[in-house]
């Protein structure tokens, strides 16, 4: 199998897996990718590097996968509070990059971890079989590819 075919197969497999997830499971997956990228970026900062790609991915995941999916009308105060946390996280990631501060990244991780743990406890453990396919316009689907 050539490299292009292998990549297409892997992308199809990943997309199929994402399509079978519930919205709660998608949010858990997005959080996990945010954490992966923040930890990679933090490690890069600790080693005198910039971690641009990792921080850009984490930023995009928070902005397009978590913040953009909030329903401020239906979610009322909870959505507003989550939105404030996500916006703070975005600012802190930028600030950490500018100041080259792995400590600021750790603060973001520390704030987001309890939210992630809450989603893990709320999300069903098994995929919901009759879920509709995630549309290509859904930011969570795009974010899950990271």
C-alpha atoms as a PDB file:
ATOM      1  CA  UNK A   1       0.000   0.000   0.000  1.00  0.00           C
ATOM      2  CA  UNK A   2       1.509   3.346  -0.975  1.00  0.00           C
ATOM      3  CA  UNK A   3       1.720   6.275   1.449  1.00  0.00           C
ATOM      4  CA  UNK A   4      -1.197   8.178  -0.096  1.00  0.00           C
ATOM      5  CA  UNK A   5      -3.504   5.172   0.066  1.00  0.00           C
ATOM      6  CA  UNK A   6      -2.480   4.474   3.664  1.00  0.00           C
ATOM      7  CA  UNK A   7      -3.227   8.059   4.655  1.00  0.00           C
ATOM      8  CA  UNK A   8      -6.646   7.975   2.964  1.00  0.00           C
ATOM      9  CA  UNK A   9      -7.452   4.709   4.727  1.00  0.00           C
ATOM     10  CA  UNK A  10      -6.367   6.132   8.093  1.00  0.00           C
ATOM     11  CA  UNK A  11      -8.429   9.292   7.558  1.00  0.00           C
ATOM     12  CA  UNK A  12     -11.503   7.223   6.656  1.00  0.00           C
ATOM     13  CA  UNK A  13     -11.030   5.040   9.719  1.00  0.00           C
ATOM     14  CA  UNK A  14     -10.656   8.116  11.962  1.00  0.00           C
ATOM     15  CA  UNK A  15     -13.733   9.742  10.428  1.00  0.00           C
ATOM     16  CA  UNK A  16     -15.792   6.595  10.921  1.00  0.00           C
ATOM     17  CA  UNK A  17     -14.731   6.482  14.571  1.00  0.00           C
ATOM     18  CA  UNK A  18     -15.649  10.124  15.095  1.00  0.00           C
ATOM     19  CA  UNK A  19     -19.034   9.652  13.438  1.00  0.00           C
ATOM     20  CA  UNK A  20     -19.939   6.920  15.920  1.00  0.00           C
ATOM     21  CA  UNK A  21     -19.311   9.106  18.983  1.00  0.00           C
ATOM     22  CA  UNK A  22     -21.952  10.906  21.006  1.00  0.00           C
ATOM     23  CA  UNK A  23     -21.613  14.655  21.467  1.00  0.00           C
ATOM     24  CA  UNK A  24     -20.298  14.090  25.005  1.00  0.00           C
ATOM     25  CA  UNK A  25     -17.707  11.633  23.745  1.00  0.00           C
ATOM     26  CA  UNK A  26     -16.655  14.138  21.075  1.00  0.00           C
ATOM     27  CA  UNK A  27     -16.109  16.788  23.709  1.00  0.00           C
ATOM     28  CA  UNK A  28     -14.014  14.345  25.744  1.00  0.00           C
ATOM     29  CA  UNK A  29     -11.969  13.586  22.622  1.00  0.00           C
ATOM     30  CA  UNK A  30     -11.458  17.295  21.941  1.00  0.00           C
ATOM     31  CA  UNK A  31     -10.292  17.867  25.514  1.00  0.00           C
ATOM     32  CA  UNK A  32      -7.836  14.977  25.178  1.00  0.00           C
ATOM     33  CA  UNK A  33      -6.383  16.446  21.983  1.00  0.00           C
ATOM     34  CA  UNK A  34      -6.173  19.888  23.647  1.00  0.00           C
ATOM     35  CA  UNK A  35      -4.243  18.327  26.533  1.00  0.00           C
ATOM     36  CA  UNK A  36      -1.964  16.405  24.170  1.00  0.00           C
ATOM     37  CA  UNK A  37      -1.082  19.567  22.277  1.00  0.00           C
ATOM     38  CA  UNK A  38      -0.698  21.749  25.370  1.00  0.00           C
ATOM     39  CA  UNK A  39       1.661  19.181  26.889  1.00  0.00           C
ATOM     40  CA  UNK A  40       3.691  19.022  23.660  1.00  0.00           C
ATOM     41  CA  UNK A  41       3.875  22.810  23.559  1.00  0.00           C
ATOM     42  CA  UNK A  42       4.799  23.007  27.234  1.00  0.00           C
ATOM     43  CA  UNK A  43       7.579  20.480  26.671  1.00  0.00           C
ATOM     44  CA  UNK A  44       8.814  22.532  23.703  1.00  0.00           C
ATOM     45  CA  UNK A  45       8.923  25.698  25.839  1.00  0.00           C
ATOM     46  CA  UNK A  46      10.823  23.852  28.558  1.00  0.00           C
ATOM     47  CA  UNK A  47      13.395  22.875  25.924  1.00  0.00           C
ATOM     48  CA  UNK A  48      13.828  26.397  24.556  1.00  0.00           C
ATOM     49  CA  UNK A  49      11.637  25.823  21.504  1.00  0.00           C
ATOM     50  CA  UNK A  50       8.470  27.663  20.506  1.00  0.00           C
ATOM     51  CA  UNK A  51       5.940  24.826  20.119  1.00  0.00           C
ATOM     52  CA  UNK A  52       4.080  26.818  17.482  1.00  0.00           C
ATOM     53  CA  UNK A  53       2.290  23.881  15.846  1.00  0.00           C
ATOM     54  CA  UNK A  54       1.170  22.332  19.136  1.00  0.00           C
ATOM     55  CA  UNK A  55      -0.086  25.626  20.546  1.00  0.00           C
ATOM     56  CA  UNK A  56      -1.840  26.500  17.302  1.00  0.00           C
ATOM     57  CA  UNK A  57      -3.652  23.159  17.347  1.00  0.00           C
ATOM     58  CA  UNK A  58      -4.615  23.532  21.014  1.00  0.00           C
ATOM     59  CA  UNK A  59      -5.847  27.071  20.349  1.00  0.00           C
ATOM     60  CA  UNK A  60      -7.906  25.934  17.338  1.00  0.00           C
ATOM     61  CA  UNK A  61      -9.391  23.016  19.260  1.00  0.00           C
ATOM     62  CA  UNK A  62     -10.501  25.261  22.105  1.00  0.00           C
ATOM     63  CA  UNK A  63     -11.810  27.958  19.795  1.00  0.00           C
ATOM     64  CA  UNK A  64     -13.466  25.796  17.135  1.00  0.00           C
ATOM     65  CA  UNK A  65     -14.197  22.624  19.079  1.00  0.00           C
ATOM     66  CA  UNK A  66     -15.214  23.853  22.524  1.00  0.00           C
ATOM     67  CA  UNK A  67     -16.030  27.575  22.436  1.00  0.00           C
ATOM     68  CA  UNK A  68     -17.806  27.646  19.064  1.00  0.00           C
ATOM     69  CA  UNK A  69     -20.081  24.763  20.088  1.00  0.00           C
ATOM     70  CA  UNK A  70     -21.489  26.477  23.154  1.00  0.00           C
ATOM     71  CA  UNK A  71     -25.181  27.303  22.966  1.00  0.00           C
ATOM     72  CA  UNK A  72     -25.382  30.505  24.975  1.00  0.00           C
ATOM     73  CA  UNK A  73     -29.172  30.677  24.635  1.00  0.00           C
ATOM     74  CA  UNK A  74     -29.949  27.162  25.874  1.00  0.00           C
ATOM     75  CA  UNK A  75     -26.918  26.865  28.161  1.00  0.00           C
ATOM     76  CA  UNK A  76     -27.464  30.218  29.871  1.00  0.00           C
ATOM     77  CA  UNK A  77     -25.092  30.768  32.800  1.00  0.00           C
ATOM     78  CA  UNK A  78     -23.246  27.467  32.376  1.00  0.00           C
ATOM     79  CA  UNK A  79     -22.426  28.270  28.750  1.00  0.00           C
ATOM     80  CA  UNK A  80     -21.352  31.799  29.702  1.00  0.00           C
ATOM     81  CA  UNK A  81     -19.047  30.457  32.416  1.00  0.00           C
ATOM     82  CA  UNK A  82     -17.546  27.839  30.095  1.00  0.00           C
ATOM     83  CA  UNK A  83     -17.130  30.513  27.429  1.00  0.00           C
ATOM     84  CA  UNK A  84     -15.260  32.727  29.873  1.00  0.00           C
ATOM     85  CA  UNK A  85     -12.955  29.845  30.839  1.00  0.00           C
ATOM     86  CA  UNK A  86     -12.282  28.949  27.199  1.00  0.00           C
ATOM     87  CA  UNK A  87     -11.587  32.587  26.276  1.00  0.00           C
ATOM     88  CA  UNK A  88      -9.254  32.909  29.274  1.00  0.00           C
ATOM     89  CA  UNK A  89      -7.488  29.724  28.135  1.00  0.00           C
ATOM     90  CA  UNK A  90      -6.990  31.145  24.648  1.00  0.00           C
ATOM     91  CA  UNK A  91      -5.484  34.347  26.068  1.00  0.00           C
ATOM     92  CA  UNK A  92      -3.223  32.407  28.413  1.00  0.00           C
ATOM     93  CA  UNK A  93      -1.921  30.191  25.610  1.00  0.00           C
ATOM     94  CA  UNK A  94      -0.986  33.286  23.616  1.00  0.00           C
ATOM     95  CA  UNK A  95       0.523  34.908  26.705  1.00  0.00           C
ATOM     96  CA  UNK A  96       2.535  31.762  27.476  1.00  0.00           C
ATOM     97  CA  UNK A  97       3.896  31.682  23.933  1.00  0.00           C
ATOM     98  CA  UNK A  98       4.928  35.339  24.095  1.00  0.00           C
ATOM     99  CA  UNK A  99       6.540  35.035  27.522  1.00  0.00           C
ATOM    100  CA  UNK A 100       7.816  31.486  26.872  1.00  0.00           C
ATOM    101  CA  UNK A 101       6.190  30.356  30.113  1.00  0.00           C
ATOM    102  CA  UNK A 102       5.509  26.631  30.584  1.00  0.00           C
ATOM    103  CA  UNK A 103       4.004  27.566  33.971  1.00  0.00           C
ATOM    104  CA  UNK A 104       1.168  29.448  32.272  1.00  0.00           C
ATOM    105  CA  UNK A 105       0.440  26.396  30.134  1.00  0.00           C
ATOM    106  CA  UNK A 106       0.320  24.283  33.293  1.00  0.00           C
ATOM    107  CA  UNK A 107      -2.224  26.745  34.725  1.00  0.00           C
ATOM    108  CA  UNK A 108      -4.419  26.239  31.649  1.00  0.00           C
ATOM    109  CA  UNK A 109      -4.100  22.468  32.036  1.00  0.00           C
ATOM    110  CA  UNK A 110      -4.980  22.744  35.740  1.00  0.00           C
ATOM    111  CA  UNK A 111      -8.118  24.807  35.008  1.00  0.00           C
ATOM    112  CA  UNK A 112      -9.336  22.616  32.129  1.00  0.00           C
ATOM    113  CA  UNK A 113      -8.713  19.268  33.871  1.00  0.00           C
ATOM    114  CA  UNK A 114     -11.773  19.368  36.201  1.00  0.00           C
ATOM    115  CA  UNK A 115     -13.983  20.275  33.227  1.00  0.00           C
ATOM    116  CA  UNK A 116     -12.578  17.328  31.283  1.00  0.00           C
ATOM    117  CA  UNK A 117     -13.146  15.006  34.243  1.00  0.00           C
ATOM    118  CA  UNK A 118     -16.753  16.175  34.488  1.00  0.00           C
ATOM    119  CA  UNK A 119     -17.317  15.432  30.790  1.00  0.00           C
ATOM    120  CA  UNK A 120     -15.728  11.992  31.187  1.00  0.00           C
ATOM    121  CA  UNK A 121     -18.171  11.197  33.973  1.00  0.00           C
ATOM    122  CA  UNK A 122     -21.147  12.487  31.935  1.00  0.00           C
ATOM    123  CA  UNK A 123     -20.340  10.978  28.533  1.00  0.00           C
ATOM    124  CA  UNK A 124     -21.691   7.491  27.857  1.00  0.00           C
ATOM    125  CA  UNK A 125     -18.933   4.912  27.714  1.00  0.00           C
ATOM    126  CA  UNK A 126     -20.215   3.151  24.578  1.00  0.00           C
ATOM    127  CA  UNK A 127     -20.973   4.833  21.231  1.00  0.00           C
ATOM    128  CA  UNK A 128     -24.630   5.513  20.586  1.00  0.00           C
ATOM    129  CA  UNK A 129     -25.502   3.277  17.567  1.00  0.00           C
ATOM    130  CA  UNK A 130     -28.213   5.416  15.958  1.00  0.00           C
ATOM    131  CA  UNK A 131     -26.415   8.743  16.115  1.00  0.00           C
ATOM    132  CA  UNK A 132     -26.703  10.910  13.048  1.00  0.00           C
ATOM    133  CA  UNK A 133     -23.480  11.389  11.127  1.00  0.00           C
ATOM    134  CA  UNK A 134     -21.499  14.407  12.195  1.00  0.00           C
ATOM    135  CA  UNK A 135     -21.881  17.030   9.489  1.00  0.00           C
ATOM    136  CA  UNK A 136     -18.818  18.488   7.821  1.00  0.00           C
ATOM    137  CA  UNK A 137     -19.842  21.942   9.051  1.00  0.00           C
ATOM    138  CA  UNK A 138     -19.614  20.835  12.683  1.00  0.00           C
ATOM    139  CA  UNK A 139     -16.511  22.368  14.312  1.00  0.00           C
ATOM    140  CA  UNK A 140     -16.222  19.413  16.688  1.00  0.00           C
ATOM    141  CA  UNK A 141     -15.674  17.073  13.730  1.00  0.00           C
ATOM    142  CA  UNK A 142     -12.950  19.332  12.363  1.00  0.00           C
ATOM    143  CA  UNK A 143     -11.375  19.610  15.794  1.00  0.00           C
ATOM    144  CA  UNK A 144     -11.367  15.853  16.310  1.00  0.00           C
ATOM    145  CA  UNK A 145      -9.085  15.499  13.301  1.00  0.00           C
ATOM    146  CA  UNK A 146      -6.364  17.229  15.264  1.00  0.00           C
END
